C-alpha atoms as a PDB file:
ATOM      1  CA  UNK A   1      15.827  19.579  14.008  1.00  0.00           C
ATOM      2  CA  UNK A   2      14.758  20.902  17.393  1.00  0.00           C
ATOM      3  CA  UNK A   3      12.835  18.581  19.999  1.00  0.00           C
ATOM      4  CA  UNK A   4       9.554  19.343  21.926  1.00  0.00           C
ATOM      5  CA  UNK A   5       7.703  16.921  24.083  1.00  0.00           C
ATOM      6  CA  UNK A   6       9.918  14.007  22.608  1.00  0.00           C
ATOM      7  CA  UNK A   7       8.663  15.059  19.105  1.00  0.00           C
ATOM      8  CA  UNK A   8      11.002  16.682  16.396  1.00  0.00           C
ATOM      9  CA  UNK A   9       9.666  20.253  15.152  1.00  0.00           C
ATOM     10  CA  UNK A  10       9.360  19.993  11.324  1.00  0.00           C
ATOM     11  CA  UNK A  11       8.812  21.819   8.192  1.00  0.00           C
ATOM     12  CA  UNK A  12       5.440  21.386   6.996  1.00  0.00           C
ATOM     13  CA  UNK A  13       5.232  17.774   6.842  1.00  0.00           C
ATOM     14  CA  UNK A  14       3.902  15.288   4.560  1.00  0.00           C
ATOM     15  CA  UNK A  15       2.484  12.286   6.106  1.00  0.00           C
ATOM     16  CA  UNK A  16       2.788   9.238   3.745  1.00  0.00           C
ATOM     17  CA  UNK A  17       1.066   5.896   5.319  1.00  0.00           C
ATOM     18  CA  UNK A  18       0.639   2.073   4.583  1.00  0.00           C
ATOM     19  CA  UNK A  19      -0.668  -0.640   6.557  1.00  0.00           C
ATOM     20  CA  UNK A  20      -0.189  -4.803   6.270  1.00  0.00           C
ATOM     21  CA  UNK A  21      -3.641  -6.828   5.995  1.00  0.00           C
ATOM     22  CA  UNK A  22      -6.271  -6.007   3.448  1.00  0.00           C
ATOM     23  CA  UNK A  23      -5.078  -2.908   2.001  1.00  0.00           C
ATOM     24  CA  UNK A  24      -2.023  -4.192   1.151  1.00  0.00           C
ATOM     25  CA  UNK A  25      -2.354  -6.558  -2.006  1.00  0.00           C
ATOM     26  CA  UNK A  26       1.051  -8.254  -2.898  1.00  0.00           C
ATOM     27  CA  UNK A  27       2.900  -6.248   0.047  1.00  0.00           C
ATOM     28  CA  UNK A  28       3.427  -3.253  -2.605  1.00  0.00           C
ATOM     29  CA  UNK A  29       2.341  -0.263  -0.426  1.00  0.00           C
ATOM     30  CA  UNK A  30       3.903  -1.332   2.736  1.00  0.00           C
ATOM     31  CA  UNK A  31       6.818  -2.223   0.544  1.00  0.00           C
ATOM     32  CA  UNK A  32       6.633   1.698  -0.691  1.00  0.00           C
ATOM     33  CA  UNK A  33       6.972   3.161   2.635  1.00  0.00           C
ATOM     34  CA  UNK A  34       9.485   0.564   3.634  1.00  0.00           C
ATOM     35  CA  UNK A  35      11.520   1.462   0.488  1.00  0.00           C
ATOM     36  CA  UNK A  36      11.352   5.068   1.365  1.00  0.00           C
ATOM     37  CA  UNK A  37      12.452   4.564   5.139  1.00  0.00           C
ATOM     38  CA  UNK A  38      15.766   2.514   3.594  1.00  0.00           C
ATOM     39  CA  UNK A  39      16.260   5.070   1.021  1.00  0.00           C
ATOM     40  CA  UNK A  40      15.639   8.655   2.793  1.00  0.00           C
ATOM     41  CA  UNK A  41      17.681   6.939   6.126  1.00  0.00           C
ATOM     42  CA  UNK A  42      14.092   7.606   7.852  1.00  0.00           C
ATOM     43  CA  UNK A  43      14.741   8.053  12.183  1.00  0.00           C
ATOM     44  CA  UNK A  44      12.083   6.217  14.056  1.00  0.00           C
ATOM     45  CA  UNK A  45      10.358   9.020  16.805  1.00  0.00           C
ATOM     46  CA  UNK A  46       7.158   7.025  18.131  1.00  0.00           C
ATOM     47  CA  UNK A  47       5.027   4.222  17.785  1.00  0.00           C
ATOM     48  CA  UNK A  48       1.622   3.683  18.938  1.00  0.00           C
ATOM     49  CA  UNK A  49       0.957   1.442  21.857  1.00  0.00           C
ATOM     50  CA  UNK A  50      -0.635  -2.108  20.446  1.00  0.00           C
ATOM     51  CA  UNK A  51      -2.488  -3.130  23.658  1.00  0.00           C
ATOM     52  CA  UNK A  52      -5.618  -1.239  22.503  1.00  0.00           C
ATOM     53  CA  UNK A  53      -5.784  -1.983  18.779  1.00  0.00           C
ATOM     54  CA  UNK A  54      -4.637  -5.413  18.285  1.00  0.00           C
ATOM     55  CA  UNK A  55      -5.360  -9.056  19.108  1.00  0.00           C
ATOM     56  CA  UNK A  56      -1.815 -10.639  19.622  1.00  0.00           C
ATOM     57  CA  UNK A  57      -3.344 -13.923  18.857  1.00  0.00           C
ATOM     58  CA  UNK A  58      -4.075 -13.126  15.176  1.00  0.00           C
ATOM     59  CA  UNK A  59      -0.878 -11.003  15.207  1.00  0.00           C
ATOM     60  CA  UNK A  60       1.581 -12.666  17.544  1.00  0.00           C
ATOM     61  CA  UNK A  61       4.459 -10.375  18.816  1.00  0.00           C
ATOM     62  CA  UNK A  62       7.867 -11.575  17.708  1.00  0.00           C
ATOM     63  CA  UNK A  63      10.544 -12.829  19.573  1.00  0.00           C
ATOM     64  CA  UNK A  64      14.298 -12.373  18.444  1.00  0.00           C
ATOM     65  CA  UNK A  65      18.105 -12.508  19.606  1.00  0.00           C
ATOM     66  CA  UNK A  66      20.077  -9.292  19.946  1.00  0.00           C
ATOM     67  CA  UNK A  67      23.661  -9.713  19.716  1.00  0.00           C
ATOM     68  CA  UNK A  68      23.343 -13.268  20.020  1.00  0.00           C
ATOM     69  CA  UNK A  69      22.342 -13.474  24.251  1.00  0.00           C
ATOM     70  CA  UNK A  70      19.457 -10.944  24.526  1.00  0.00           C
ATOM     71  CA  UNK A  71      16.183 -11.555  24.098  1.00  0.00           C
ATOM     72  CA  UNK A  72      13.750  -9.111  22.718  1.00  0.00           C
ATOM     73  CA  UNK A  73      10.228  -8.632  21.534  1.00  0.00           C
ATOM     74  CA  UNK A  74       8.605  -6.906  19.059  1.00  0.00           C
ATOM     75  CA  UNK A  75       5.091  -5.770  19.223  1.00  0.00           C
ATOM     76  CA  UNK A  76       2.916  -5.687  16.039  1.00  0.00           C
ATOM     77  CA  UNK A  77       2.079  -1.994  15.576  1.00  0.00           C
ATOM     78  CA  UNK A  78       2.103   1.196  13.472  1.00  0.00           C
ATOM     79  CA  UNK A  79       5.354   3.074  13.620  1.00  0.00           C
ATOM     80  CA  UNK A  80       6.257   6.422  12.731  1.00  0.00           C
ATOM     81  CA  UNK A  81       9.758   7.815  11.158  1.00  0.00           C
ATOM     82  CA  UNK A  82      10.746  11.268   9.918  1.00  0.00           C
ATOM     83  CA  UNK A  83      12.922  11.534   6.847  1.00  0.00           C
ATOM     84  CA  UNK A  84      14.422  14.780   5.412  1.00  0.00           C
ATOM     85  CA  UNK A  85      14.625  14.168   1.550  1.00  0.00           C
ATOM     86  CA  UNK A  86      17.840  15.601  -0.343  1.00  0.00           C
ATOM     87  CA  UNK A  87      17.054  18.952  -1.753  1.00  0.00           C
ATOM     88  CA  UNK A  88      13.275  18.857  -0.314  1.00  0.00           C
ATOM     89  CA  UNK A  89      11.774  22.118   1.398  1.00  0.00           C
ATOM     90  CA  UNK A  90       9.524  19.914   3.820  1.00  0.00           C
ATOM     91  CA  UNK A  91      10.010  17.069   5.909  1.00  0.00           C
ATOM     92  CA  UNK A  92       8.369  13.635   5.343  1.00  0.00           C
ATOM     93  CA  UNK A  93       6.928  11.615   8.289  1.00  0.00           C
ATOM     94  CA  UNK A  94       6.406   7.914   7.046  1.00  0.00           C
ATOM     95  CA  UNK A  95       3.862   5.641   8.828  1.00  0.00           C
ATOM     96  CA  UNK A  96       4.111   1.721   8.607  1.00  0.00           C
ATOM     97  CA  UNK A  97       1.937  -0.294  10.318  1.00  0.00           C
ATOM     98  CA  UNK A  98      -0.832  -3.304  10.545  1.00  0.00           C
ATOM     99  CA  UNK A  99      -4.384  -2.878  10.108  1.00  0.00           C
ATOM    100  CA  UNK A 100      -5.778  -3.130  13.565  1.00  0.00           C
ATOM    101  CA  UNK A 101      -7.935  -5.431  14.672  1.00  0.00           C
ATOM    102  CA  UNK A 102     -10.032  -3.442  16.883  1.00  0.00           C
ATOM    103  CA  UNK A 103     -11.152   0.102  17.918  1.00  0.00           C
ATOM    104  CA  UNK A 104     -10.451   1.619  14.595  1.00  0.00           C
ATOM    105  CA  UNK A 105     -12.352   5.058  15.157  1.00  0.00           C
ATOM    106  CA  UNK A 106      -9.906   5.084  18.739  1.00  0.00           C
ATOM    107  CA  UNK A 107      -7.124   4.054  16.337  1.00  0.00           C
ATOM    108  CA  UNK A 108      -7.599   7.094  13.387  1.00  0.00           C
ATOM    109  CA  UNK A 109      -8.003   9.567  16.113  1.00  0.00           C
ATOM    110  CA  UNK A 110      -4.942   8.285  17.969  1.00  0.00           C
ATOM    111  CA  UNK A 111      -2.905   8.301  14.851  1.00  0.00           C
ATOM    112  CA  UNK A 112      -4.364  11.761  13.769  1.00  0.00           C
ATOM    113  CA  UNK A 113      -3.337  13.260  17.036  1.00  0.00           C
ATOM    114  CA  UNK A 114       0.339  12.126  16.488  1.00  0.00           C
ATOM    115  CA  UNK A 115       0.121  13.794  13.234  1.00  0.00           C
ATOM    116  CA  UNK A 116      -1.304  16.855  14.663  1.00  0.00           C
ATOM    117  CA  UNK A 117       1.566  16.709  17.406  1.00  0.00           C
ATOM    118  CA  UNK A 118       3.914  16.543  14.207  1.00  0.00           C
ATOM    119  CA  UNK A 119       2.211  19.549  12.613  1.00  0.00           C
ATOM    120  CA  UNK A 120       1.475  17.198   9.336  1.00  0.00           C
ATOM    121  CA  UNK A 121      -0.051  19.365   6.880  1.00  0.00           C
ATOM    122  CA  UNK A 122      -1.036  16.522   4.480  1.00  0.00           C
ATOM    123  CA  UNK A 123      -1.588  12.742   4.606  1.00  0.00           C
ATOM    124  CA  UNK A 124      -0.929  10.247   1.770  1.00  0.00           C
ATOM    125  CA  UNK A 125      -2.475   7.011   1.990  1.00  0.00           C
ATOM    126  CA  UNK A 126      -0.991   4.068   0.172  1.00  0.00           C
ATOM    127  CA  UNK A 127      -3.204   0.764  -0.725  1.00  0.00           C
ATOM    128  CA  UNK A 128      -3.184  -1.753  -2.974  1.00  0.00           C
ATOM    129  CA  UNK A 129      -6.052  -4.133  -4.156  1.00  0.00           C
ATOM    130  CA  UNK A 130      -6.292  -7.035  -6.169  1.00  0.00           C
ATOM    131  CA  UNK A 131      -7.954  -6.491  -9.863  1.00  0.00           C
ATOM    132  CA  UNK A 132      -8.363  -7.991 -13.364  1.00  0.00           C
ATOM    133  CA  UNK A 133      -5.379  -6.332 -15.063  1.00  0.00           C
ATOM    134  CA  UNK A 134      -3.087  -7.353 -17.542  1.00  0.00           C
ATOM    135  CA  UNK A 135       0.778  -7.662 -15.868  1.00  0.00           C
ATOM    136  CA  UNK A 136       2.174  -6.399 -19.440  1.00  0.00           C
ATOM    137  CA  UNK A 137       0.844  -2.819 -18.925  1.00  0.00           C
ATOM    138  CA  UNK A 138       1.562  -0.091 -16.562  1.00  0.00           C
ATOM    139  CA  UNK A 139      -0.600  -1.226 -13.547  1.00  0.00           C
ATOM    140  CA  UNK A 140      -3.532   1.249 -13.058  1.00  0.00           C
ATOM    141  CA  UNK A 141      -3.639   3.694 -10.039  1.00  0.00           C
ATOM    142  CA  UNK A 142      -6.473   4.877  -8.683  1.00  0.00           C
ATOM    143  CA  UNK A 143      -7.357   6.801  -5.707  1.00  0.00           C
ATOM    144  CA  UNK A 144      -9.504   9.634  -3.806  1.00  0.00           C
ATOM    145  CA  UNK A 145      -9.071  12.839  -2.198  1.00  0.00           C
ATOM    146  CA  UNK A 146     -10.714  15.355   0.539  1.00  0.00           C
ATOM    147  CA  UNK A 147     -11.116  17.576  -2.163  1.00  0.00           C
ATOM    148  CA  UNK A 148     -11.849  18.187  -5.767  1.00  0.00           C
ATOM    149  CA  UNK A 149      -8.773  20.456  -6.234  1.00  0.00           C
ATOM    150  CA  UNK A 150      -6.400  17.823  -5.142  1.00  0.00           C
ATOM    151  CA  UNK A 151      -8.054  15.192  -7.201  1.00  0.00           C
ATOM    152  CA  UNK A 152      -7.974  17.666 -10.285  1.00  0.00           C
ATOM    153  CA  UNK A 153      -4.243  18.714  -9.231  1.00  0.00           C
ATOM    154  CA  UNK A 154      -3.196  14.761  -9.172  1.00  0.00           C
ATOM    155  CA  UNK A 155      -5.238  13.831 -12.148  1.00  0.00           C
ATOM    156  CA  UNK A 156      -6.680  11.098  -9.959  1.00  0.00           C
ATOM    157  CA  UNK A 157      -8.885   8.402 -11.785  1.00  0.00           C
ATOM    158  CA  UNK A 158     -11.455   7.721  -9.185  1.00  0.00           C
ATOM    159  CA  UNK A 159     -11.943   4.502  -7.154  1.00  0.00           C
ATOM    160  CA  UNK A 160     -15.447   3.485  -7.626  1.00  0.00           C
ATOM    161  CA  UNK A 161     -15.409   0.490  -5.287  1.00  0.00           C
ATOM    162  CA  UNK A 162     -18.412  -0.325  -2.848  1.00  0.00           C
ATOM    163  CA  UNK A 163     -17.944  -2.489  -0.322  1.00  0.00           C
ATOM    164  CA  UNK A 164     -16.131  -3.382   3.087  1.00  0.00           C
ATOM    165  CA  UNK A 165     -13.272  -0.866   3.505  1.00  0.00           C
ATOM    166  CA  UNK A 166      -9.877  -1.286   5.259  1.00  0.00           C
ATOM    167  CA  UNK A 167      -7.920   1.263   7.726  1.00  0.00           C
ATOM    168  CA  UNK A 168      -7.029   3.144   4.561  1.00  0.00           C
ATOM    169  CA  UNK A 169     -10.776   3.962   4.016  1.00  0.00           C
ATOM    170  CA  UNK A 170     -11.535   5.025   7.629  1.00  0.00           C
ATOM    171  CA  UNK A 171      -8.209   7.278   7.429  1.00  0.00           C
ATOM    172  CA  UNK A 172      -8.979   9.015   4.791  1.00  0.00           C
ATOM    173  CA  UNK A 173     -12.718   9.772   6.199  1.00  0.00           C
ATOM    174  CA  UNK A 174     -11.197  10.937   9.281  1.00  0.00           C
ATOM    175  CA  UNK A 175      -8.960  12.922   8.079  1.00  0.00           C
ATOM    176  CA  UNK A 176     -11.563  14.573   5.994  1.00  0.00           C
ATOM    177  CA  UNK A 177     -13.647  14.997   9.024  1.00  0.00           C
ATOM    178  CA  UNK A 178     -10.679  16.547  10.680  1.00  0.00           C
ATOM    179  CA  UNK A 179      -9.860  19.022   8.021  1.00  0.00           C
ATOM    180  CA  UNK A 180      -6.504  17.520   7.068  1.00  0.00           C
ATOM    181  CA  UNK A 181      -5.846  17.304   3.401  1.00  0.00           C
ATOM    182  CA  UNK A 182      -5.703  13.745   2.328  1.00  0.00           C
ATOM    183  CA  UNK A 183      -5.359  11.570  -0.662  1.00  0.00           C
ATOM    184  CA  UNK A 184      -4.755   7.937  -1.120  1.00  0.00           C
ATOM    185  CA  UNK A 185      -3.899   6.032  -4.006  1.00  0.00           C
ATOM    186  CA  UNK A 186      -4.435   2.460  -4.819  1.00  0.00           C
ATOM    187  CA  UNK A 187      -2.568   0.241  -7.192  1.00  0.00           C
ATOM    188  CA  UNK A 188      -4.332  -2.285  -9.263  1.00  0.00           C
ATOM    189  CA  UNK A 189      -2.342  -5.697  -8.694  1.00  0.00           C
ATOM    190  CA  UNK A 190      -3.034  -8.591 -11.193  1.00  0.00           C
ATOM    191  CA  UNK A 191      -5.003 -11.308  -8.917  1.00  0.00           C
ATOM    192  CA  UNK A 192      -3.249 -14.193 -10.929  1.00  0.00           C
ATOM    193  CA  UNK A 193       0.001 -13.104  -9.440  1.00  0.00           C
ATOM    194  CA  UNK A 194      -0.654 -11.835  -6.027  1.00  0.00           C
ATOM    195  CA  UNK A 195       2.357 -13.520  -3.969  1.00  0.00           C
ATOM    196  CA  UNK A 196       4.237 -10.570  -2.826  1.00  0.00           C
ATOM    197  CA  UNK A 197       6.841  -9.027  -3.791  1.00  0.00           C
ATOM    198  CA  UNK A 198       5.461  -7.105  -6.537  1.00  0.00           C
ATOM    199  CA  UNK A 199       7.954  -4.470  -7.515  1.00  0.00           C
ATOM    200  CA  UNK A 200       6.046  -3.016 -10.471  1.00  0.00           C
ATOM    201  CA  UNK A 201       3.153  -2.203  -8.282  1.00  0.00           C
ATOM    202  CA  UNK A 202       5.300  -0.715  -5.426  1.00  0.00           C
ATOM    203  CA  UNK A 203       7.242   1.405  -8.187  1.00  0.00           C
ATOM    204  CA  UNK A 204       3.667   2.650  -9.348  1.00  0.00           C
ATOM    205  CA  UNK A 205       2.949   3.801  -6.125  1.00  0.00           C
ATOM    206  CA  UNK A 206       6.328   5.630  -5.672  1.00  0.00           C
ATOM    207  CA  UNK A 207       5.619   7.200  -8.809  1.00  0.00           C
ATOM    208  CA  UNK A 208       2.363   8.776  -7.197  1.00  0.00           C
ATOM    209  CA  UNK A 209       4.574   9.825  -4.395  1.00  0.00           C
ATOM    210  CA  UNK A 210       7.009  11.893  -6.361  1.00  0.00           C
ATOM    211  CA  UNK A 211       3.734  13.678  -8.059  1.00  0.00           C
ATOM    212  CA  UNK A 212       2.880  14.864  -4.408  1.00  0.00           C
ATOM    213  CA  UNK A 213       6.061  15.760  -3.052  1.00  0.00           C
ATOM    214  CA  UNK A 214       7.346  17.184  -6.393  1.00  0.00           C
ATOM    215  CA  UNK A 215      10.828  15.623  -6.280  1.00  0.00           C
ATOM    216  CA  UNK A 216      12.632  12.709  -7.500  1.00  0.00           C
ATOM    217  CA  UNK A 217      12.264   9.524  -5.425  1.00  0.00           C
ATOM    218  CA  UNK A 218      14.978   7.107  -5.534  1.00  0.00           C
ATOM    219  CA  UNK A 219      13.910   3.814  -6.794  1.00  0.00           C
ATOM    220  CA  UNK A 220      17.440   2.098  -6.653  1.00  0.00           C
ATOM    221  CA  UNK A 221      16.679  -1.744  -8.261  1.00  0.00           C
ATOM    222  CA  UNK A 222      13.421  -1.627  -8.157  1.00  0.00           C
ATOM    223  CA  UNK A 223      13.237  -0.845 -12.013  1.00  0.00           C
ATOM    224  CA  UNK A 224      15.431  -3.915 -12.465  1.00  0.00           C
ATOM    225  CA  UNK A 225      13.196  -6.054  -9.998  1.00  0.00           C
ATOM    226  CA  UNK A 226       9.883  -5.024 -12.015  1.00  0.00           C
ATOM    227  CA  UNK A 227      11.243  -5.998 -15.062  1.00  0.00           C
ATOM    228  CA  UNK A 228      12.441  -9.450 -13.685  1.00  0.00           C
ATOM    229  CA  UNK A 229       8.888  -9.902 -12.334  1.00  0.00           C
ATOM    230  CA  UNK A 230       7.569  -9.312 -15.703  1.00  0.00           C
ATOM    231  CA  UNK A 231       9.821 -11.696 -17.299  1.00  0.00           C
ATOM    232  CA  UNK A 232       8.788 -14.473 -14.910  1.00  0.00           C
ATOM    233  CA  UNK A 233       5.231 -13.882 -15.643  1.00  0.00           C
ATOM    234  CA  UNK A 234       5.906 -13.801 -19.388  1.00  0.00           C
ATOM    235  CA  UNK A 235       7.664 -17.212 -19.080  1.00  0.00           C
ATOM    236  CA  UNK A 236       4.774 -18.699 -16.928  1.00  0.00           C
ATOM    237  CA  UNK A 237       2.472 -17.582 -19.929  1.00  0.00           C
ATOM    238  CA  UNK A 238       4.592 -19.046 -22.409  1.00  0.00           C
ATOM    239  CA  UNK A 239       4.366 -22.215 -20.867  1.00  0.00           C
ATOM    240  CA  UNK A 240       0.973 -22.276 -19.988  1.00  0.00           C
ATOM    241  CA  UNK A 241      -2.170 -21.445 -22.800  1.00  0.00           C
ATOM    242  CA  UNK A 242      -4.822 -20.749 -20.564  1.00  0.00           C
ATOM    243  CA  UNK A 243      -2.678 -18.218 -18.810  1.00  0.00           C
ATOM    244  CA  UNK A 244      -1.582 -16.248 -21.984  1.00  0.00           C
ATOM    245  CA  UNK A 245      -4.986 -16.231 -23.318  1.00  0.00           C
ATOM    246  CA  UNK A 246      -6.478 -14.584 -20.257  1.00  0.00           C
ATOM    247  CA  UNK A 247      -3.923 -11.907 -20.454  1.00  0.00           C
ATOM    248  CA  UNK A 248      -4.491 -11.271 -24.076  1.00  0.00           C
ATOM    249  CA  UNK A 249      -8.415 -10.811 -22.970  1.00  0.00           C
ATOM    250  CA  UNK A 250      -7.254  -8.431 -20.316  1.00  0.00           C
ATOM    251  CA  UNK A 251      -4.755  -6.303 -22.216  1.00  0.00           C
ATOM    252  CA  UNK A 252      -8.136  -5.929 -24.993  1.00  0.00           C
ATOM    253  CA  UNK A 253     -10.121  -4.559 -22.038  1.00  0.00           C
ATOM    254  CA  UNK A 254      -7.409  -2.454 -19.803  1.00  0.00           C
ATOM    255  CA  UNK A 255      -8.565   0.867 -22.169  1.00  0.00           C
ATOM    256  CA  UNK A 256     -11.691   0.124 -21.017  1.00  0.00           C
ATOM    257  CA  UNK A 257     -13.283   3.565 -18.898  1.00  0.00           C
ATOM    258  CA  UNK A 258     -14.746   2.553 -15.683  1.00  0.00           C
ATOM    259  CA  UNK A 259     -11.843   0.550 -14.081  1.00  0.00           C
ATOM    260  CA  UNK A 260     -13.055  -1.494 -11.596  1.00  0.00           C
ATOM    261  CA  UNK A 261     -11.216  -3.596  -8.702  1.00  0.00           C
ATOM    262  CA  UNK A 262     -12.458  -7.307  -7.897  1.00  0.00           C
ATOM    263  CA  UNK A 263     -14.129  -8.187  -4.988  1.00  0.00           C
ATOM    264  CA  UNK A 264     -13.522 -11.199  -3.518  1.00  0.00           C
ATOM    265  CA  UNK A 265     -16.558 -13.175  -5.106  1.00  0.00           C
ATOM    266  CA  UNK A 266     -15.484 -12.380  -8.358  1.00  0.00           C
ATOM    267  CA  UNK A 267     -11.495 -13.231  -7.789  1.00  0.00           C
ATOM    268  CA  UNK A 268     -13.175 -16.263  -6.968  1.00  0.00           C
ATOM    269  CA  UNK A 269     -15.208 -16.574  -9.829  1.00  0.00           C
ATOM    270  CA  UNK A 270     -12.364 -15.744 -12.006  1.00  0.00           C
ATOM    271  CA  UNK A 271      -9.994 -18.316 -11.003  1.00  0.00           C
ATOM    272  CA  UNK A 272     -13.145 -21.143 -11.135  1.00  0.00           C
ATOM    273  CA  UNK A 273     -13.097 -20.228 -14.549  1.00  0.00           C
ATOM    274  CA  UNK A 274      -9.946 -20.684 -14.911  1.00  0.00           C
ATOM    275  CA  UNK A 275      -9.361 -23.606 -13.231  1.00  0.00           C
ATOM    276  CA  UNK A 276     -12.528 -24.908 -14.999  1.00  0.00           C
ATOM    277  CA  UNK A 277     -10.732 -24.737 -18.469  1.00  0.00           C
ATOM    278  CA  UNK A 278      -7.817 -26.165 -17.237  1.00  0.00           C
ATOM    279  CA  UNK A 279      -9.518 -29.512 -15.846  1.00  0.00           C
ATOM    280  CA  UNK A 280      -9.004 -28.554 -11.838  1.00  0.00           C
ATOM    281  CA  UNK A 281     -10.941 -27.859  -9.120  1.00  0.00           C
ATOM    282  CA  UNK A 282     -12.954 -24.836  -8.210  1.00  0.00           C
ATOM    283  CA  UNK A 283     -12.864 -22.748  -5.111  1.00  0.00           C
ATOM    284  CA  UNK A 284      -9.215 -21.157  -4.423  1.00  0.00           C
ATOM    285  CA  UNK A 285      -9.243 -18.176  -2.192  1.00  0.00           C
ATOM    286  CA  UNK A 286      -8.539 -14.539  -3.105  1.00  0.00           C
ATOM    287  CA  UNK A 287      -4.497 -15.334  -2.155  1.00  0.00           C
ATOM    288  CA  UNK A 288      -4.540 -18.522  -3.424  1.00  0.00           C
ATOM    289  CA  UNK A 289      -2.633 -19.926  -7.148  1.00  0.00           C
ATOM    290  CA  UNK A 290      -0.424 -16.904  -8.224  1.00  0.00           C
ATOM    291  CA  UNK A 291       2.307 -17.387 -10.716  1.00  0.00           C
END
């Protein structure tokens, strides 16, 4: 690849982005991008200046040792890398970062400016949300797109969520306003098993990436890890009659139309019901108990 102003000149690149934080239940979406970085030997190309966008008391810089002597500081930010998947006729820009603490509109404009400089033709946004879904079934993936044709092409189940949004939702809107084709995929993570990692959710997102790129995505050991994740939950359910009953109820409801993610209050209510049945105390947070 040739270089222009420090950035590579790419072949009709598509960007795939995920962000830690509110948009990333069980770290499932950032794990998908990190997996692609590793599988495709992605090369770092640039990163955003974190000074404008992060509260360093919330997302603190990390100090590490290099070669046992030199101290290195890694700042919280959003990084861009480039990959050339084997057999692909287009390049892939991988964007992985942390949801910014402030200036979201400026952040979105700055991110899309880099995409424009790389001549990105399509942006795929990955997210993960907590929902009342059974771990025993394929984890649903809902989504949205900037145009009806894209929704139909990828057979998207619309995400009907209404309420506070994260940076993924903001970027989706920013892409639409900038006339950049954008599509977002949200995997539904069982709220009672929300501790990371969730390889089954990551695998579900990678399958949708395959659909967009129209080429196989190497999954390495993710299939085995997803099976082990399920087995751990199955073993927990065998020891917990209330959990087993709850999962059976979710299995019966999983075919219902109009799949809805849970709000924070609804997740808290679900846990309160669960704890009341067990004789425990109510009031866990959305990132509370998990099996």
